[in-house]
Amino acid sequence: VGNKLSGPIPAWIGSNMQELEILSLGSNHF
């Protein structure tokens, strides 16, 4: 959260990190 990251979210986050409990990508430039 709170960086200047851009681009699309890669599909492998959902495919390879299925057990994630918290995913915080807010306040960027995705």
PDB file of all heavy atoms in Angstrom:
ATOM      1  N   VAL A   1       0.838  -1.199   0.000  1.00  0.00           N
ATOM      2  CA  VAL A   1       0.000   0.000   0.000  1.00  0.00           C
ATOM      3  C   VAL A   1       0.877   1.254   0.000  1.00  0.00           C
ATOM      4  O   VAL A   1       1.939   1.282   0.612  1.00  0.00           O
ATOM      5  CB  VAL A   1      -0.917   0.007   1.246  1.00  0.00           C
ATOM      6  CG1 VAL A   1      -1.644   1.327   1.396  1.00  0.00           C
ATOM      7  CG2 VAL A   1      -1.900  -1.134   1.182  1.00  0.00           C
ATOM      8  N   GLY A   2       0.424   2.292  -0.693  1.00  0.00           N
ATOM      9  CA  GLY A   2       1.056   3.596  -0.596  1.00  0.00           C
ATOM     10  C   GLY A   2       2.395   3.719  -1.294  1.00  0.00           C
ATOM     11  O   GLY A   2       3.277   4.401  -0.794  1.00  0.00           O
ATOM     12  N   ASN A   3       2.538   3.066  -2.421  1.00  0.00           N
ATOM     13  CA  ASN A   3       3.739   3.218  -3.238  1.00  0.00           C
ATOM     14  C   ASN A   3       3.323   3.851  -4.564  1.00  0.00           C
ATOM     15  O   ASN A   3       2.254   4.469  -4.647  1.00  0.00           O
ATOM     16  CB  ASN A   3       4.412   1.856  -3.441  1.00  0.00           C
ATOM     17  CG  ASN A   3       5.177   1.414  -2.212  1.00  0.00           C
ATOM     18  OD1 ASN A   3       6.231   1.942  -1.910  1.00  0.00           O
ATOM     19  ND2 ASN A   3       4.631   0.447  -1.495  1.00  0.00           N
ATOM     20  N   LYS A   4       4.131   3.725  -5.569  1.00  0.00           N
ATOM     21  CA  LYS A   4       3.812   4.270  -6.889  1.00  0.00           C
ATOM     22  C   LYS A   4       3.891   3.170  -7.925  1.00  0.00           C
ATOM     23  O   LYS A   4       4.358   3.360  -9.038  1.00  0.00           O
ATOM     24  CB  LYS A   4       4.787   5.400  -7.226  1.00  0.00           C
ATOM     25  CG  LYS A   4       4.697   6.557  -6.253  1.00  0.00           C
ATOM     26  CD  LYS A   4       5.773   7.579  -6.489  1.00  0.00           C
ATOM     27  CE  LYS A   4       5.701   8.645  -5.409  1.00  0.00           C
ATOM     28  NZ  LYS A   4       6.864   9.511  -5.402  1.00  0.00           N
ATOM     29  N   LEU A   5       3.411   1.991  -7.543  1.00  0.00           N
ATOM     30  CA  LEU A   5       3.468   0.827  -8.419  1.00  0.00           C
ATOM     31  C   LEU A   5       2.423   0.949  -9.513  1.00  0.00           C
ATOM     32  O   LEU A   5       1.324   1.449  -9.287  1.00  0.00           O
ATOM     33  CB  LEU A   5       3.244  -0.443  -7.602  1.00  0.00           C
ATOM     34  CG  LEU A   5       4.249  -0.636  -6.471  1.00  0.00           C
ATOM     35  CD1 LEU A   5       3.838  -1.807  -5.586  1.00  0.00           C
ATOM     36  CD2 LEU A   5       5.640  -0.838  -7.019  1.00  0.00           C
ATOM     37  N   SER A   6       2.751   0.458 -10.697  1.00  0.00           N
ATOM     38  CA  SER A   6       1.825   0.586 -11.825  1.00  0.00           C
ATOM     39  C   SER A   6       1.772  -0.714 -12.617  1.00  0.00           C
ATOM     40  O   SER A   6       2.523  -1.644 -12.356  1.00  0.00           O
ATOM     41  CB  SER A   6       2.262   1.738 -12.727  1.00  0.00           C
ATOM     42  OG  SER A   6       3.547   1.481 -13.250  1.00  0.00           O
ATOM     43  N   GLY A   7       0.872  -0.739 -13.575  1.00  0.00           N
ATOM     44  CA  GLY A   7       0.697  -1.913 -14.420  1.00  0.00           C
ATOM     45  C   GLY A   7      -0.431  -2.777 -13.905  1.00  0.00           C
ATOM     46  O   GLY A   7      -1.052  -2.489 -12.880  1.00  0.00           O
ATOM     47  N   PRO A   8      -0.717  -3.855 -14.608  1.00  0.00           N
ATOM     48  CA  PRO A   8      -1.786  -4.759 -14.174  1.00  0.00           C
ATOM     49  C   PRO A   8      -1.315  -5.659 -13.033  1.00  0.00           C
ATOM     50  O   PRO A   8      -0.113  -5.854 -12.836  1.00  0.00           O
ATOM     51  CB  PRO A   8      -2.066  -5.588 -15.427  1.00  0.00           C
ATOM     52  CG  PRO A   8      -0.777  -5.594 -16.172  1.00  0.00           C
ATOM     53  CD  PRO A   8      -0.137  -4.249 -15.893  1.00  0.00           C
ATOM     54  N   ILE A   9      -2.257  -6.194 -12.285  1.00  0.00           N
ATOM     55  CA  ILE A   9      -1.935  -7.192 -11.271  1.00  0.00           C
ATOM     56  C   ILE A   9      -1.690  -8.505 -12.003  1.00  0.00           C
ATOM     57  O   ILE A   9      -2.530  -8.956 -12.775  1.00  0.00           O
ATOM     58  CB  ILE A   9      -3.088  -7.363 -10.266  1.00  0.00           C
ATOM     59  CG1 ILE A   9      -3.291  -6.084  -9.474  1.00  0.00           C
ATOM     60  CG2 ILE A   9      -2.812  -8.523  -9.326  1.00  0.00           C
ATOM     61  CD1 ILE A   9      -4.447  -6.151  -8.517  1.00  0.00           C
ATOM     62  N   PRO A  10      -0.550  -9.140 -11.773  1.00  0.00           N
ATOM     63  CA  PRO A  10      -0.279 -10.399 -12.473  1.00  0.00           C
ATOM     64  C   PRO A  10      -1.182 -11.529 -11.983  1.00  0.00           C
ATOM     65  O   PRO A  10      -1.474 -11.628 -10.793  1.00  0.00           O
ATOM     66  CB  PRO A  10       1.182 -10.681 -12.165  1.00  0.00           C
ATOM     67  CG  PRO A  10       1.499  -9.879 -10.963  1.00  0.00           C
ATOM     68  CD  PRO A  10       0.565  -8.717 -10.934  1.00  0.00           C
ATOM     69  N   ALA A  11      -1.597 -12.370 -12.903  1.00  0.00           N
ATOM     70  CA  ALA A  11      -2.492 -13.477 -12.575  1.00  0.00           C
ATOM     71  C   ALA A  11      -1.869 -14.458 -11.592  1.00  0.00           C
ATOM     72  O   ALA A  11      -2.573 -15.104 -10.823  1.00  0.00           O
ATOM     73  CB  ALA A  11      -2.906 -14.201 -13.854  1.00  0.00           C
ATOM     74  N   TRP A  12      -0.533 -14.560 -11.568  1.00  0.00           N
ATOM     75  CA  TRP A  12       0.095 -15.543 -10.691  1.00  0.00           C
ATOM     76  C   TRP A  12      -0.104 -15.249  -9.216  1.00  0.00           C
ATOM     77  O   TRP A  12       0.104 -16.118  -8.380  1.00  0.00           O
ATOM     78  CB  TRP A  12       1.567 -15.761 -11.022  1.00  0.00           C
ATOM     79  CG  TRP A  12       2.459 -14.566 -11.071  1.00  0.00           C
ATOM     80  CD1 TRP A  12       2.925 -13.942 -12.183  1.00  0.00           C
ATOM     81  CD2 TRP A  12       3.027 -13.850  -9.970  1.00  0.00           C
ATOM     82  NE1 TRP A  12       3.738 -12.891 -11.843  1.00  0.00           N
ATOM     83  CE2 TRP A  12       3.822 -12.810 -10.488  1.00  0.00           C
ATOM     84  CE3 TRP A  12       2.945 -13.990  -8.587  1.00  0.00           C
ATOM     85  CZ2 TRP A  12       4.519 -11.917  -9.682  1.00  0.00           C
ATOM     86  CZ3 TRP A  12       3.643 -13.093  -7.783  1.00  0.00           C
ATOM     87  CH2 TRP A  12       4.410 -12.075  -8.333  1.00  0.00           C
ATOM     88  N   ILE A  13      -0.521 -14.035  -8.861  1.00  0.00           N
ATOM     89  CA  ILE A  13      -0.803 -13.776  -7.440  1.00  0.00           C
ATOM     90  C   ILE A  13      -1.939 -14.675  -6.983  1.00  0.00           C
ATOM     91  O   ILE A  13      -1.861 -15.301  -5.941  1.00  0.00           O
ATOM     92  CB  ILE A  13      -1.123 -12.289  -7.183  1.00  0.00           C
ATOM     93  CG1 ILE A  13       0.166 -11.490  -7.189  1.00  0.00           C
ATOM     94  CG2 ILE A  13      -1.838 -12.106  -5.846  1.00  0.00           C
ATOM     95  CD1 ILE A  13       0.015 -10.052  -6.806  1.00  0.00           C
ATOM     96  N   GLY A  14      -2.979 -14.773  -7.774  1.00  0.00           N
ATOM     97  CA  GLY A  14      -4.098 -15.645  -7.418  1.00  0.00           C
ATOM     98  C   GLY A  14      -3.790 -17.111  -7.614  1.00  0.00           C
ATOM     99  O   GLY A  14      -4.230 -17.960  -6.843  1.00  0.00           O
ATOM    100  N   SER A  15      -3.007 -17.420  -8.612  1.00  0.00           N
ATOM    101  CA  SER A  15      -2.684 -18.820  -8.908  1.00  0.00           C
ATOM    102  C   SER A  15      -1.682 -19.414  -7.933  1.00  0.00           C
ATOM    103  O   SER A  15      -1.824 -20.555  -7.510  1.00  0.00           O
ATOM    104  CB  SER A  15      -2.121 -18.945 -10.326  1.00  0.00           C
ATOM    105  OG  SER A  15      -3.066 -18.535 -11.276  1.00  0.00           O
ATOM    106  N   ASN A  16      -0.646 -18.656  -7.585  1.00  0.00           N
ATOM    107  CA  ASN A  16       0.454 -19.202  -6.793  1.00  0.00           C
ATOM    108  C   ASN A  16       0.408 -18.829  -5.320  1.00  0.00           C
ATOM    109  O   ASN A  16       1.190 -19.352  -4.538  1.00  0.00           O
ATOM    110  CB  ASN A  16       1.793 -18.733  -7.364  1.00  0.00           C
ATOM    111  CG  ASN A  16       2.059 -19.288  -8.730  1.00  0.00           C
ATOM    112  OD1 ASN A  16       1.157 -19.661  -9.444  1.00  0.00           O
ATOM    113  ND2 ASN A  16       3.308 -19.343  -9.104  1.00  0.00           N
ATOM    114  N   MET A  17      -0.441 -17.912  -4.945  1.00  0.00           N
ATOM    115  CA  MET A  17      -0.497 -17.462  -3.553  1.00  0.00           C
ATOM    116  C   MET A  17      -1.903 -17.657  -2.997  1.00  0.00           C
ATOM    117  O   MET A  17      -2.443 -16.790  -2.318  1.00  0.00           O
ATOM    118  CB  MET A  17      -0.082 -15.997  -3.459  1.00  0.00           C
ATOM    119  CG  MET A  17       1.307 -15.726  -3.944  1.00  0.00           C
ATOM    120  SD  MET A  17       1.684 -13.960  -3.851  1.00  0.00           S
ATOM    121  CE  MET A  17       3.441 -14.021  -3.605  1.00  0.00           C
ATOM    122  N   GLN A  18      -2.484 -18.813  -3.251  1.00  0.00           N
ATOM    123  CA  GLN A  18      -3.881 -19.062  -2.918  1.00  0.00           C
ATOM    124  C   GLN A  18      -4.186 -19.003  -1.433  1.00  0.00           C
ATOM    125  O   GLN A  18      -5.323 -18.814  -1.046  1.00  0.00           O
ATOM    126  CB  GLN A  18      -4.323 -20.402  -3.489  1.00  0.00           C
ATOM    127  CG  GLN A  18      -4.324 -20.416  -4.992  1.00  0.00           C
ATOM    128  CD  GLN A  18      -4.736 -21.748  -5.555  1.00  0.00           C
ATOM    129  OE1 GLN A  18      -5.193 -22.630  -4.838  1.00  0.00           O
ATOM    130  NE2 GLN A  18      -4.580 -21.908  -6.855  1.00  0.00           N
ATOM    131  N   GLU A  19      -3.189 -19.158  -0.583  1.00  0.00           N
ATOM    132  CA  GLU A  19      -3.414 -19.160   0.859  1.00  0.00           C
ATOM    133  C   GLU A  19      -3.277 -17.777   1.489  1.00  0.00           C
ATOM    134  O   GLU A  19      -3.393 -17.648   2.713  1.00  0.00           O
ATOM    135  CB  GLU A  19      -2.441 -20.128   1.536  1.00  0.00           C
ATOM    136  CG  GLU A  19      -2.588 -21.565   1.067  1.00  0.00           C
ATOM    137  CD  GLU A  19      -3.985 -22.123   1.273  1.00  0.00           C
ATOM    138  OE1 GLU A  19      -4.589 -21.856   2.336  1.00  0.00           O
ATOM    139  OE2 GLU A  19      -4.484 -22.821   0.373  1.00  0.00           O
ATOM    140  N   LEU A  20      -3.023 -16.744   0.685  1.00  0.00           N
ATOM    141  CA  LEU A  20      -2.912 -15.393   1.248  1.00  0.00           C
ATOM    142  C   LEU A  20      -4.163 -15.034   2.030  1.00  0.00           C
ATOM    143  O   LEU A  20      -5.279 -15.241   1.567  1.00  0.00           O
ATOM    144  CB  LEU A  20      -2.719 -14.361   0.137  1.00  0.00           C
ATOM    145  CG  LEU A  20      -1.311 -14.023  -0.294  1.00  0.00           C
ATOM    146  CD1 LEU A  20      -1.347 -12.974  -1.401  1.00  0.00           C
ATOM    147  CD2 LEU A  20      -0.441 -13.559   0.835  1.00  0.00           C
ATOM    148  N   GLU A  21      -3.972 -14.467   3.199  1.00  0.00           N
ATOM    149  CA  GLU A  21      -5.082 -13.997   4.015  1.00  0.00           C
ATOM    150  C   GLU A  21      -5.290 -12.494   3.837  1.00  0.00           C
ATOM    151  O   GLU A  21      -6.405 -12.009   3.916  1.00  0.00           O
ATOM    152  CB  GLU A  21      -4.827 -14.329   5.482  1.00  0.00           C
ATOM    153  CG  GLU A  21      -4.792 -15.822   5.736  1.00  0.00           C
ATOM    154  CD  GLU A  21      -4.383 -16.164   7.154  1.00  0.00           C
ATOM    155  OE1 GLU A  21      -4.208 -15.245   8.001  1.00  0.00           O
ATOM    156  OE2 GLU A  21      -4.232 -17.371   7.429  1.00  0.00           O
ATOM    157  N   ILE A  22      -4.200 -11.762   3.611  1.00  0.00           N
ATOM    158  CA  ILE A  22      -4.266 -10.314   3.433  1.00  0.00           C
ATOM    159  C   ILE A  22      -3.470  -9.941   2.191  1.00  0.00           C
ATOM    160  O   ILE A  22      -2.301 -10.288   2.072  1.00  0.00           O
ATOM    161  CB  ILE A  22      -3.698  -9.567   4.658  1.00  0.00           C
ATOM    162  CG1 ILE A  22      -4.511  -9.904   5.905  1.00  0.00           C
ATOM    163  CG2 ILE A  22      -3.659  -8.062   4.406  1.00  0.00           C
ATOM    164  CD1 ILE A  22      -3.903  -9.391   7.203  1.00  0.00           C
ATOM    165  N   LEU A  23      -4.123  -9.254   1.273  1.00  0.00           N
ATOM    166  CA  LEU A  23      -3.467  -8.721   0.080  1.00  0.00           C
ATOM    167  C   LEU A  23      -3.826  -7.250  -0.001  1.00  0.00           C
ATOM    168  O   LEU A  23      -4.972  -6.880  -0.255  1.00  0.00           O
ATOM    169  CB  LEU A  23      -3.918  -9.463  -1.180  1.00  0.00           C
ATOM    170  CG  LEU A  23      -3.339  -8.965  -2.502  1.00  0.00           C
ATOM    171  CD1 LEU A  23      -1.814  -9.041  -2.504  1.00  0.00           C
ATOM    172  CD2 LEU A  23      -3.911  -9.765  -3.665  1.00  0.00           C
ATOM    173  N   SER A  24      -2.851  -6.385   0.250  1.00  0.00           N
ATOM    174  CA  SER A  24      -3.078  -4.940   0.298  1.00  0.00           C
ATOM    175  C   SER A  24      -2.299  -4.270  -0.819  1.00  0.00           C
ATOM    176  O   SER A  24      -1.078  -4.142  -0.747  1.00  0.00           O
ATOM    177  CB  SER A  24      -2.635  -4.372   1.647  1.00  0.00           C
ATOM    178  OG  SER A  24      -3.400  -4.910   2.689  1.00  0.00           O
ATOM    179  N   LEU A  25      -3.019  -3.837  -1.854  1.00  0.00           N
ATOM    180  CA  LEU A  25      -2.413  -3.189  -3.015  1.00  0.00           C
ATOM    181  C   LEU A  25      -2.896  -1.755  -3.181  1.00  0.00           C
ATOM    182  O   LEU A  25      -2.629  -1.117  -4.192  1.00  0.00           O
ATOM    183  CB  LEU A  25      -2.757  -3.983  -4.286  1.00  0.00           C
ATOM    184  CG  LEU A  25      -2.415  -5.473  -4.281  1.00  0.00           C
ATOM    185  CD1 LEU A  25      -2.896  -6.130  -5.555  1.00  0.00           C
ATOM    186  CD2 LEU A  25      -0.931  -5.683  -4.095  1.00  0.00           C
ATOM    187  N   GLY A  26      -3.599  -1.221  -2.199  1.00  0.00           N
ATOM    188  CA  GLY A  26      -4.222   0.090  -2.295  1.00  0.00           C
ATOM    189  C   GLY A  26      -3.251   1.246  -2.463  1.00  0.00           C
ATOM    190  O   GLY A  26      -2.054   1.142  -2.178  1.00  0.00           O
ATOM    191  N   SER A  27      -3.778   2.351  -2.942  1.00  0.00           N
ATOM    192  CA  SER A  27      -3.050   3.615  -3.091  1.00  0.00           C
ATOM    193  C   SER A  27      -1.773   3.480  -3.913  1.00  0.00           C
ATOM    194  O   SER A  27      -0.684   3.864  -3.494  1.00  0.00           O
ATOM    195  CB  SER A  27      -2.722   4.219  -1.719  1.00  0.00           C
ATOM    196  OG  SER A  27      -3.915   4.518  -1.032  1.00  0.00           O
ATOM    197  N   ASN A  28      -1.919   2.919  -5.098  1.00  0.00           N
ATOM    198  CA  ASN A  28      -0.845   2.807  -6.070  1.00  0.00           C
ATOM    199  C   ASN A  28      -1.373   3.308  -7.405  1.00  0.00           C
ATOM    200  O   ASN A  28      -2.344   4.069  -7.435  1.00  0.00           O
ATOM    201  CB  ASN A  28      -0.359   1.351  -6.157  1.00  0.00           C
ATOM    202  CG  ASN A  28       0.584   0.993  -5.041  1.00  0.00           C
ATOM    203  OD1 ASN A  28       1.732   1.402  -5.023  1.00  0.00           O
ATOM    204  ND2 ASN A  28       0.096   0.214  -4.077  1.00  0.00           N
ATOM    205  N   HIS A  29      -0.759   2.894  -8.485  1.00  0.00           N
ATOM    206  CA  HIS A  29      -1.202   3.273  -9.825  1.00  0.00           C
ATOM    207  C   HIS A  29      -1.478   2.041 -10.673  1.00  0.00           C
ATOM    208  O   HIS A  29      -1.279   2.057 -11.883  1.00  0.00           O
ATOM    209  CB  HIS A  29      -0.140   4.153 -10.506  1.00  0.00           C
ATOM    210  CG  HIS A  29       0.197   5.389  -9.739  1.00  0.00           C
ATOM    211  ND1 HIS A  29      -0.659   6.468  -9.653  1.00  0.00           N
ATOM    212  CD2 HIS A  29       1.281   5.718  -8.996  1.00  0.00           C
ATOM    213  CE1 HIS A  29      -0.107   7.400  -8.904  1.00  0.00           C
ATOM    214  NE2 HIS A  29       1.070   6.965  -8.493  1.00  0.00           N
ATOM    215  N   PHE A  30      -1.940   0.962 -10.033  1.00  0.00           N
ATOM    216  CA  PHE A  30      -2.276  -0.241 -10.785  1.00  0.00           C
ATOM    217  C   PHE A  30      -3.412   0.080 -11.739  1.00  0.00           C
ATOM    218  O   PHE A  30      -4.263   0.929 -11.465  1.00  0.00           O
ATOM    219  CB  PHE A  30      -2.696  -1.368  -9.841  1.00  0.00           C
ATOM    220  CG  PHE A  30      -1.582  -1.883  -8.988  1.00  0.00           C
ATOM    221  CD1 PHE A  30      -1.679  -1.866  -7.610  1.00  0.00           C
ATOM    222  CD2 PHE A  30      -0.421  -2.395  -9.548  1.00  0.00           C
ATOM    223  CE1 PHE A  30      -0.665  -2.341  -6.811  1.00  0.00           C
ATOM    224  CE2 PHE A  30       0.604  -2.874  -8.765  1.00  0.00           C
ATOM    225  CZ  PHE A  30       0.484  -2.846  -7.392  1.00  0.00           C
TER     226      PHE A  30
END
